[in-house]
Amino acid sequence: MTMNVPGRALLLAVLTLGCASYALADEFVDQARQRISAATQPWATWEGPTTGPVAQADKQIVFVASDLRNSGVLGVSEGVQAATQVMGWKLRTLDGQGSVSGRTAALNQAIVLKPDGIILGGFDAREQLSTIAKVRAAGIPLLGWHAGPKAGAMPEEGLFVNITTDPTEVAKIAAYYAVAQSQGTAGVVILTDSLYAVATAKSDAMAEVIKQCAGCSLLALEDSPLAETSSRMPQLTTSLLQRFGERWNYTLGINDLYFDFIGPALSRLGRAPNQPPLSLSAGDGSESAYQRIRQSRYQAATVPEPVQLHGWQLVDELNRAFAGSPPSNYVTAVHLVTADNIKVDGGPRNTFDPDNGYAAAYRRIWQR
């Protein structure tokens, strides 16, 4: 049968559109691969500040931790401790013990101590706005680590500066990894905790990347509180596997904590450690996450924070506040840890501790 001219034109248009779609899909996967290649490079050189005020003398600092059982918060507190020792400052650490009321009590206790500066370690400043108003009234400089959805100054929340790698970029790189590794066919479940503004920002950014991938599927976005992971994740894992089966091949989480409990649940359901769904974390880089990645046990990658470096940066930014200087505006770059690069930048110690001489760089600023 001979096809008429309009029919041939329609077929040609359909074929052309299909080829264009495939080309765009391939281009997006190539873009994901390029982003992953850049994010997995070793940190060999210091890219942070090289100038700033010398150490201000005789300061007392309080670090208010969200929960010292959280490895990221603990790592930051250890970095702050090491840096304050170099400064000759006194440091007091208070533990919020994982609850809103505990953090409120700890922050109120910090105010009573009348320190020169306070650091919020790992909780949203908006959660404590009424208490932070007391800090501002007392004229105490306030800084945060992971205290909001963006890096840099947050005057509306009373923060001189919030230290974090850009949460949106952290989230995107985890999603790009799923796109690249699946060659544009990822079936994704995203895990978030809407209690935290930064978590919502991350999960929204991950969802945006997956939706841009023509051959990928966003299967579900699950709001599951981090504080309830041990009790909720086993049943949720079973439910997700029943709902999506083989279509579910990647899980993107805003924190590694979810994956402490997904792996055992998958094992009970008969999934092998290197069998999908594989986990990708856009946050923290816990010791257990490093171990899972190294052993190829249910987790393929994490986007860790350089928590020790961030501790030193918090002290440097506080020093700038004491000296009347503006923040440094330094924001750490995104780094992705996989089985291929886990042997560098602190990986053998199950942490992201860059080999770029950050401590020496800060000492040169403070002691010149």
Protein backbone atom coordinates (compact mmCIF):
# COMPACT_ATOMS: atom_id res chain seq x y z
CA MET A 1 0.00 0.00 0.00
CA THR A 2 1.33 3.43 -0.95
CA MET A 3 1.22 6.12 1.73
CA ASN A 4 -0.20 9.48 0.61
CA VAL A 5 1.82 12.69 1.01
CA PRO A 6 0.07 13.94 4.18
CA GLY A 7 0.58 10.51 5.76
CA ARG A 8 4.29 10.50 4.95
CA ALA A 9 4.60 14.02 6.36
CA LEU A 10 2.88 12.99 9.59
CA LEU A 11 5.11 9.93 9.95
CA LEU A 12 8.21 12.04 9.33
CA ALA A 13 7.08 14.54 11.97
CA VAL A 14 6.51 11.77 14.52
CA LEU A 15 9.91 10.21 13.80
CA THR A 16 11.61 13.60 14.03
CA LEU A 17 9.92 14.37 17.34
CA GLY A 18 10.91 10.96 18.67
CA CYS A 19 14.55 11.44 17.68
CA ALA A 20 14.57 14.89 19.29
CA SER A 21 13.17 13.42 22.53
CA TYR A 22 15.84 10.72 22.59
CA ALA A 23 18.52 13.35 21.94
CA LEU A 24 17.27 15.51 24.82
CA ALA A 25 17.15 12.48 27.10
CA ASP A 26 20.71 11.51 26.20
CA GLU A 27 21.84 15.10 26.71
CA PHE A 28 20.35 15.15 30.21
CA VAL A 29 22.07 11.88 31.13
CA ASP A 30 25.37 13.26 29.79
CA GLN A 31 24.84 16.39 31.90
CA ALA A 32 24.27 14.20 34.96
CA ARG A 33 27.50 12.27 34.27
CA GLN A 34 29.46 15.52 33.98
CA ARG A 35 28.07 16.77 37.29
CA ILE A 36 28.98 13.48 38.96
CA SER A 37 32.51 13.55 37.56
CA ALA A 38 33.10 17.02 39.01
CA ALA A 39 31.58 16.16 42.40
CA THR A 40 33.68 13.02 42.93
CA GLN A 41 37.09 14.70 42.51
CA PRO A 42 39.47 14.77 45.53
CA TRP A 43 39.80 18.02 47.47
CA ALA A 44 43.50 18.73 47.04
CA THR A 45 43.62 22.51 47.52
CA TRP A 46 42.10 25.02 49.94
CA GLU A 47 39.44 27.17 48.27
CA GLY A 48 38.20 29.00 51.38
CA PRO A 49 39.20 32.38 52.84
CA THR A 50 42.84 33.38 53.15
CA THR A 51 42.35 36.73 54.90
CA GLY A 52 40.36 37.89 57.91
CA PRO A 53 40.73 39.31 61.41
CA VAL A 54 43.30 37.94 63.83
CA ALA A 55 42.03 35.93 66.79
CA GLN A 56 39.96 37.98 69.20
CA ALA A 57 41.01 37.23 72.76
CA ASP A 58 39.20 35.80 75.79
CA LYS A 59 35.90 34.59 74.32
CA GLN A 60 33.39 32.13 75.77
CA ILE A 61 31.30 30.12 73.28
CA VAL A 62 28.27 27.86 73.71
CA PHE A 63 27.51 25.17 71.14
CA VAL A 64 23.84 24.12 71.34
CA ALA A 65 23.54 20.72 69.68
CA SER A 66 20.30 19.37 68.27
CA ASP A 67 21.30 15.85 69.27
CA LEU A 68 24.85 14.67 69.96
CA ARG A 69 23.81 11.15 68.92
CA ASN A 70 23.73 12.50 65.36
CA SER A 71 27.18 11.87 63.87
CA GLY A 72 27.11 15.05 61.78
CA VAL A 73 26.31 17.28 64.74
CA LEU A 74 28.91 15.50 66.85
CA GLY A 75 31.54 15.97 64.13
CA VAL A 76 30.83 19.70 63.88
CA SER A 77 31.06 20.06 67.66
CA GLU A 78 34.45 18.32 67.58
CA GLY A 79 35.64 20.70 64.86
CA VAL A 80 34.48 23.68 66.92
CA GLN A 81 36.30 22.29 69.95
CA ALA A 82 39.57 21.87 68.05
CA ALA A 83 39.37 25.38 66.59
CA THR A 84 38.47 27.09 69.87
CA GLN A 85 41.49 25.46 71.48
CA VAL A 86 43.68 27.11 68.85
CA MET A 87 41.92 30.42 69.58
CA GLY A 88 42.33 30.04 73.33
CA TRP A 89 38.57 30.38 73.80
CA LYS A 90 36.38 28.59 76.34
CA LEU A 91 33.72 26.25 74.93
CA ARG A 92 30.60 24.82 76.53
CA THR A 93 28.51 22.23 74.65
CA LEU A 94 24.83 21.71 75.50
CA ASP A 95 22.81 18.78 74.13
CA GLY A 96 19.21 19.27 72.99
CA GLN A 97 18.82 15.47 73.05
CA GLY A 98 16.73 15.23 69.90
CA SER A 99 13.58 17.08 70.94
CA VAL A 100 12.17 20.56 70.41
CA SER A 101 11.69 21.05 74.15
CA GLY A 102 15.24 19.84 74.81
CA ARG A 103 16.66 22.33 72.32
CA THR A 104 14.61 25.16 73.81
CA ALA A 105 15.88 24.30 77.28
CA ALA A 106 19.48 24.10 76.06
CA LEU A 107 19.24 27.45 74.24
CA ASN A 108 17.73 29.11 77.32
CA GLN A 109 20.56 27.68 79.39
CA ALA A 110 23.06 29.08 76.90
CA ILE A 111 21.56 32.56 77.30
CA VAL A 112 21.84 32.33 81.09
CA LEU A 113 25.58 31.60 80.72
CA LYS A 114 26.01 35.03 79.05
CA PRO A 115 28.53 33.83 76.47
CA ASP A 116 30.21 35.96 73.83
CA GLY A 117 28.72 33.81 71.06
CA ILE A 118 26.26 30.96 70.50
CA ILE A 119 26.24 28.31 67.76
CA LEU A 120 23.11 26.36 66.81
CA GLY A 121 24.20 22.87 65.80
CA GLY A 122 21.85 21.04 63.45
CA PHE A 123 18.36 22.44 63.96
CA ASP A 124 16.16 24.98 62.21
CA ALA A 125 16.42 28.49 63.63
CA ARG A 126 12.73 29.09 62.86
CA GLU A 127 11.86 26.40 65.37
CA GLN A 128 13.31 28.58 68.13
CA LEU A 129 12.41 32.10 66.99
CA SER A 130 10.93 33.17 70.33
CA THR A 131 14.02 32.00 72.21
CA ILE A 132 16.33 33.46 69.58
CA ALA A 133 14.62 36.82 70.21
CA LYS A 134 16.13 36.67 73.70
CA VAL A 135 19.58 36.02 72.21
CA ARG A 136 19.20 39.05 69.96
CA ALA A 137 17.97 41.20 72.86
CA ALA A 138 21.08 40.21 74.81
CA GLY A 139 23.29 41.26 71.89
CA ILE A 140 24.93 37.83 71.59
CA PRO A 141 26.21 36.93 68.09
CA LEU A 142 24.38 33.81 66.85
CA LEU A 143 25.56 31.40 64.17
CA GLY A 144 24.12 28.16 62.86
CA TRP A 145 25.13 24.92 61.23
CA HIS A 146 22.31 23.43 59.16
CA ALA A 147 20.04 25.98 60.82
CA GLY A 148 18.13 26.93 57.67
CA PRO A 149 17.50 26.14 54.00
CA LYS A 150 20.38 28.21 52.63
CA ALA A 151 24.02 29.07 53.25
CA GLY A 152 25.18 32.52 54.33
CA ALA A 153 23.73 35.36 56.37
CA MET A 154 20.17 34.87 57.63
CA PRO A 155 19.34 38.14 59.42
CA GLU A 156 15.60 37.46 59.43
CA GLU A 157 16.28 34.43 61.68
CA GLY A 158 18.86 36.34 63.73
CA LEU A 159 21.83 34.42 62.29
CA PHE A 160 25.08 36.20 61.49
CA VAL A 161 25.69 33.27 59.15
CA ASN A 162 24.42 29.74 58.53
CA ILE A 163 27.12 27.24 57.61
CA THR A 164 26.19 24.49 55.20
CA THR A 165 26.98 23.22 51.76
CA ASP A 166 24.22 24.55 49.50
CA PRO A 167 21.35 22.14 50.35
CA THR A 168 19.84 22.44 46.89
CA GLU A 169 23.10 21.49 45.18
CA VAL A 170 23.62 18.63 47.65
CA ALA A 171 20.19 17.27 46.77
CA LYS A 172 20.64 17.71 43.05
CA ILE A 173 23.91 15.78 42.93
CA ALA A 174 22.32 12.79 44.66
CA ALA A 175 19.50 12.82 42.11
CA TYR A 176 21.94 13.26 39.22
CA TYR A 177 23.77 10.15 40.42
CA ALA A 178 20.55 8.11 40.13
CA VAL A 179 20.02 9.48 36.61
CA ALA A 180 23.59 8.74 35.52
CA GLN A 181 23.88 5.27 37.06
CA SER A 182 20.52 4.15 35.68
CA GLN A 183 21.32 5.64 32.28
CA GLY A 184 18.18 7.69 32.51
CA THR A 185 15.78 4.98 33.69
CA ALA A 186 15.68 5.48 37.48
CA GLY A 187 12.51 4.64 39.38
CA VAL A 188 12.85 6.79 42.49
CA VAL A 189 11.36 7.03 45.96
CA ILE A 190 12.30 10.19 47.90
CA LEU A 191 12.37 10.27 51.71
CA THR A 192 12.08 13.60 53.55
CA ASP A 193 11.09 15.14 56.87
CA SER A 194 8.85 18.20 56.53
CA LEU A 195 9.63 19.24 60.10
CA TYR A 196 12.81 20.83 58.71
CA ALA A 197 12.77 23.55 56.05
CA VAL A 198 16.15 22.39 54.76
CA ALA A 199 14.80 18.86 54.29
CA THR A 200 11.87 20.13 52.24
CA ALA A 201 14.22 22.22 50.12
CA LYS A 202 16.34 19.14 49.46
CA SER A 203 13.48 16.82 48.57
CA ASP A 204 11.95 19.45 46.25
CA ALA A 205 15.31 19.81 44.46
CA MET A 206 15.69 16.03 44.09
CA ALA A 207 12.18 15.72 42.70
CA GLU A 208 12.87 18.50 40.19
CA VAL A 209 15.90 16.67 38.78
CA ILE A 210 14.08 13.34 38.47
CA LYS A 211 11.15 15.02 36.72
CA GLN A 212 13.56 16.52 34.17
CA CYS A 213 14.77 13.03 33.24
CA ALA A 214 12.49 11.81 30.43
CA GLY A 215 13.00 8.12 31.14
CA CYS A 216 12.95 8.35 34.95
CA SER A 217 9.96 8.00 37.26
CA LEU A 218 9.27 9.70 40.59
CA LEU A 219 7.35 6.88 42.23
CA ALA A 220 6.70 8.48 45.62
CA LEU A 221 7.74 11.28 47.93
CA GLU A 222 7.40 9.98 51.49
CA ASP A 223 7.33 12.34 54.48
CA SER A 224 8.80 10.26 57.29
CA PRO A 225 10.15 11.88 60.49
CA LEU A 226 13.84 11.28 61.08
CA ALA A 227 13.13 10.83 64.79
CA GLU A 228 10.94 7.80 63.99
CA THR A 229 13.11 6.01 61.44
CA SER A 230 13.73 2.91 63.53
CA SER A 231 10.01 2.26 63.99
CA ARG A 232 8.67 3.46 60.62
CA MET A 233 11.20 2.39 57.99
CA PRO A 234 10.82 -1.43 58.16
CA GLN A 235 7.07 -1.27 57.45
CA LEU A 236 7.44 1.55 54.93
CA THR A 237 10.09 -0.44 53.04
CA THR A 238 7.77 -3.45 52.84
CA SER A 239 4.89 -1.26 51.65
CA LEU A 240 6.98 0.46 48.97
CA LEU A 241 8.25 -2.83 47.62
CA GLN A 242 4.70 -4.18 47.44
CA ARG A 243 3.50 -1.05 45.62
CA PHE A 244 6.31 -0.61 43.11
CA GLY A 245 8.20 -3.90 42.85
CA GLU A 246 11.00 -3.85 40.28
CA ARG A 247 10.17 -0.29 39.21
CA TRP A 248 11.72 0.93 42.47
CA ASN A 249 15.47 0.89 41.91
CA TYR A 250 16.72 4.00 43.77
CA THR A 251 15.89 5.62 47.10
CA LEU A 252 16.91 9.24 47.63
CA GLY A 253 16.98 10.40 51.25
CA ILE A 254 17.64 13.78 52.81
CA ASN A 255 19.77 12.01 55.45
CA ASP A 256 21.69 8.74 55.79
CA LEU A 257 19.70 7.83 58.90
CA TYR A 258 16.86 6.36 56.83
CA PHE A 259 19.21 3.81 55.35
CA ASP A 260 20.30 2.41 58.69
CA PHE A 261 16.92 0.68 58.66
CA ILE A 262 16.04 0.18 54.98
CA GLY A 263 18.93 -2.24 54.41
CA PRO A 264 17.92 -4.73 57.12
CA ALA A 265 14.32 -4.57 55.92
CA LEU A 266 15.34 -5.29 52.33
CA SER A 267 17.50 -8.18 53.54
CA ARG A 268 14.52 -9.73 55.31
CA LEU A 269 12.53 -9.35 52.10
CA GLY A 270 15.13 -11.34 50.19
CA ARG A 271 16.95 -8.52 48.42
CA ALA A 272 20.72 -9.00 48.02
CA PRO A 273 22.99 -6.17 49.27
CA ASN A 274 23.98 -5.08 45.74
CA GLN A 275 20.47 -5.48 44.34
CA PRO A 276 18.09 -2.54 43.76
CA PRO A 277 16.65 -0.47 45.25
CA LEU A 278 19.97 1.22 46.05
CA SER A 279 20.14 4.13 48.48
CA LEU A 280 21.57 7.59 47.81
CA SER A 281 21.80 10.17 50.59
CA ALA A 282 21.78 13.94 50.22
CA GLY A 283 23.12 14.63 53.66
CA ASP A 284 25.71 14.22 56.40
CA GLY A 285 27.73 11.13 55.41
CA SER A 286 27.49 9.03 58.56
CA GLU A 287 30.00 6.37 59.57
CA SER A 288 27.46 3.64 58.86
CA ALA A 289 26.83 5.11 55.38
CA TYR A 290 30.55 4.94 54.59
CA GLN A 291 30.63 1.32 55.69
CA ARG A 292 27.63 0.42 53.55
CA ILE A 293 29.13 2.11 50.48
CA ARG A 294 32.50 0.43 51.00
CA GLN A 295 30.86 -2.99 51.34
CA SER A 296 28.26 -2.40 48.58
CA ARG A 297 25.45 -3.08 51.04
CA TYR A 298 22.25 -1.40 49.85
CA GLN A 299 23.81 2.08 49.61
CA ALA A 300 25.64 3.37 46.54
CA ALA A 301 26.57 6.94 47.49
CA THR A 302 26.28 9.78 49.98
CA VAL A 303 26.81 13.53 49.78
CA PRO A 304 28.62 14.18 53.06
CA GLU A 305 29.29 17.44 54.79
CA PRO A 306 32.90 18.26 55.81
CA VAL A 307 31.79 18.52 59.42
CA GLN A 308 35.22 19.07 60.97
CA LEU A 309 35.97 21.79 58.42
CA HIS A 310 32.58 23.37 59.12
CA GLY A 311 33.44 23.44 62.82
CA TRP A 312 36.58 25.44 62.04
CA GLN A 313 34.61 27.70 59.70
CA LEU A 314 32.04 28.41 62.44
CA VAL A 315 34.82 29.59 64.74
CA ASP A 316 36.31 31.74 61.99
CA GLU A 317 32.93 33.32 61.24
CA LEU A 318 32.37 33.99 64.96
CA ASN A 319 35.76 35.65 65.10
CA ARG A 320 34.71 37.88 62.20
CA ALA A 321 31.52 38.80 64.07
CA PHE A 322 33.51 39.68 67.20
CA ALA A 323 35.87 41.84 65.14
CA GLY A 324 33.02 43.67 63.41
CA SER A 325 33.89 42.13 60.04
CA PRO A 326 31.36 40.72 57.54
CA PRO A 327 31.01 36.96 56.96
CA SER A 328 33.56 35.34 54.66
CA ASN A 329 30.83 34.16 52.23
CA TYR A 330 32.66 30.85 51.87
CA VAL A 331 30.36 27.97 50.94
CA THR A 332 31.86 24.49 50.64
CA ALA A 333 31.44 22.73 47.30
CA VAL A 334 29.37 19.59 46.82
CA HIS A 335 31.23 16.31 47.22
CA LEU A 336 29.87 12.86 46.34
CA VAL A 337 31.31 9.73 47.95
CA THR A 338 31.07 6.44 46.07
CA ALA A 339 32.95 3.15 46.20
CA ASP A 340 35.38 4.59 43.63
CA ASN A 341 36.64 7.54 45.71
CA ILE A 342 36.01 6.42 49.29
CA LYS A 343 39.73 5.88 49.95
CA VAL A 344 40.57 9.63 49.96
CA ASP A 345 39.61 12.75 51.93
CA GLY A 346 39.02 10.97 55.23
CA GLY A 347 37.23 7.96 53.78
CA PRO A 348 39.38 5.37 55.58
CA ARG A 349 38.16 6.97 58.84
CA ASN A 350 34.53 6.82 57.63
CA THR A 351 34.18 10.58 57.39
CA PHE A 352 34.59 13.37 54.85
CA ASP A 353 37.61 15.25 56.14
CA PRO A 354 39.23 16.97 53.15
CA ASP A 355 42.98 16.68 52.65
CA ASN A 356 43.21 20.35 51.64
CA GLY A 357 44.94 21.89 54.67
CA TYR A 358 41.92 23.79 55.98
CA ALA A 359 43.11 23.86 59.61
CA ALA A 360 46.48 25.30 58.64
CA ALA A 361 44.75 27.88 56.43
CA TYR A 362 42.60 29.11 59.29
CA ARG A 363 45.59 29.20 61.68
CA ARG A 364 47.42 31.46 59.23
CA ILE A 365 44.50 33.90 59.30
CA TRP A 366 44.14 33.94 63.07
CA GLN A 367 47.80 33.94 64.11
CA ARG A 368 49.48 36.24 61.61
